[in-house]
Protein backbone atom coordinates (compact mmCIF):
# COMPACT_ATOMS: atom_id res chain seq x y z
CA MET A 1 3.01 -4.83 6.59
CA TYR A 2 6.33 -6.09 7.90
CA ARG A 3 7.71 -6.65 4.42
CA ARG A 4 6.74 -3.09 3.48
CA ILE A 5 8.70 -1.47 6.28
CA ARG A 6 11.74 -3.55 5.37
CA ASP A 7 11.41 -2.68 1.68
CA LEU A 8 11.04 1.02 2.47
CA ARG A 9 14.10 0.93 4.71
CA GLU A 10 16.15 -0.82 2.05
CA ASP A 11 14.92 1.61 -0.64
CA ALA A 12 16.08 4.47 1.59
CA GLU A 13 19.45 2.70 1.97
CA LEU A 14 19.19 2.71 5.76
CA THR A 15 20.31 0.01 8.15
CA GLN A 16 18.14 -1.36 10.91
CA LYS A 17 20.46 0.31 13.39
CA GLN A 18 20.02 3.72 11.72
CA VAL A 19 16.23 3.43 11.74
CA ALA A 20 16.26 2.23 15.34
CA GLU A 21 18.27 5.30 16.33
CA ILE A 22 15.77 7.57 14.56
CA LEU A 23 12.91 5.81 16.36
CA HIS A 24 14.72 5.80 19.72
CA CYS A 25 14.52 2.04 20.12
CA SER A 26 17.04 -0.77 20.04
CA GLN A 27 18.12 -2.42 16.79
CA GLN A 28 16.77 -5.70 18.15
CA ALA A 29 13.33 -4.20 18.81
CA TYR A 30 13.24 -2.76 15.31
CA SER A 31 14.32 -6.09 13.86
CA TYR A 32 11.39 -7.72 15.65
CA TYR A 33 9.04 -5.19 14.00
CA GLU A 34 10.37 -6.09 10.55
CA LEU A 35 10.12 -9.82 11.24
CA GLY A 36 6.59 -9.53 12.60
CA LEU A 37 7.66 -10.91 15.98
CA ARG A 38 6.46 -7.79 17.79
CA ASP A 39 3.49 -5.54 17.08
CA ILE A 40 4.48 -2.06 16.02
CA PRO A 41 3.26 0.54 18.52
CA THR A 42 1.10 3.30 17.06
CA GLY A 43 3.69 5.99 17.81
CA ILE A 44 6.42 4.04 16.00
CA LEU A 45 4.08 3.42 13.05
CA ILE A 46 3.42 7.16 12.75
CA GLU A 47 7.15 7.94 12.92
CA LEU A 48 7.86 5.36 10.20
CA ALA A 49 5.21 6.95 7.97
CA LYS A 50 6.84 10.35 8.48
CA LEU A 51 10.33 8.96 7.88
CA TYR A 52 9.35 7.35 4.57
CA ASN A 53 6.94 10.12 3.54
CA THR A 54 4.01 7.75 3.24
CA THR A 55 0.80 6.99 5.11
CA THR A 56 0.10 4.62 7.93
CA ASP A 57 -2.54 3.05 5.67
CA TYR A 58 0.21 2.13 3.21
CA LEU A 59 2.38 0.70 5.97
CA LEU A 60 -0.55 -1.34 7.27
CA GLY A 61 -1.34 -2.68 3.80
CA LEU A 62 -4.73 -0.97 3.62
CA THR A 63 -3.81 0.78 0.38
CA SER A 64 -1.26 0.23 -2.36
CA GLU A 65 -0.82 3.98 -2.90
CA ARG A 66 2.35 5.25 -1.32
C-alpha cells in the first residue's frame, strides 16, 4: 500500500509537501504514511483516493485495477 501512494504521487508529479498541504497535514506525517511508519487514517485514505482518482481498494492493495 505504501509503495502505491508514493508511486501515484510521483506519477502525478507532486512533492510530499504538496500532497501534505492538500491533505492538511505536515510533510513529515505524510512521509511517515509513505514509509509505512504510521497507519493512514481512513479520512486521509479517502482523500488520497479522490486526489488520484482511484479507489481505496486499489490503495490498500485489495485490487490491481486502478
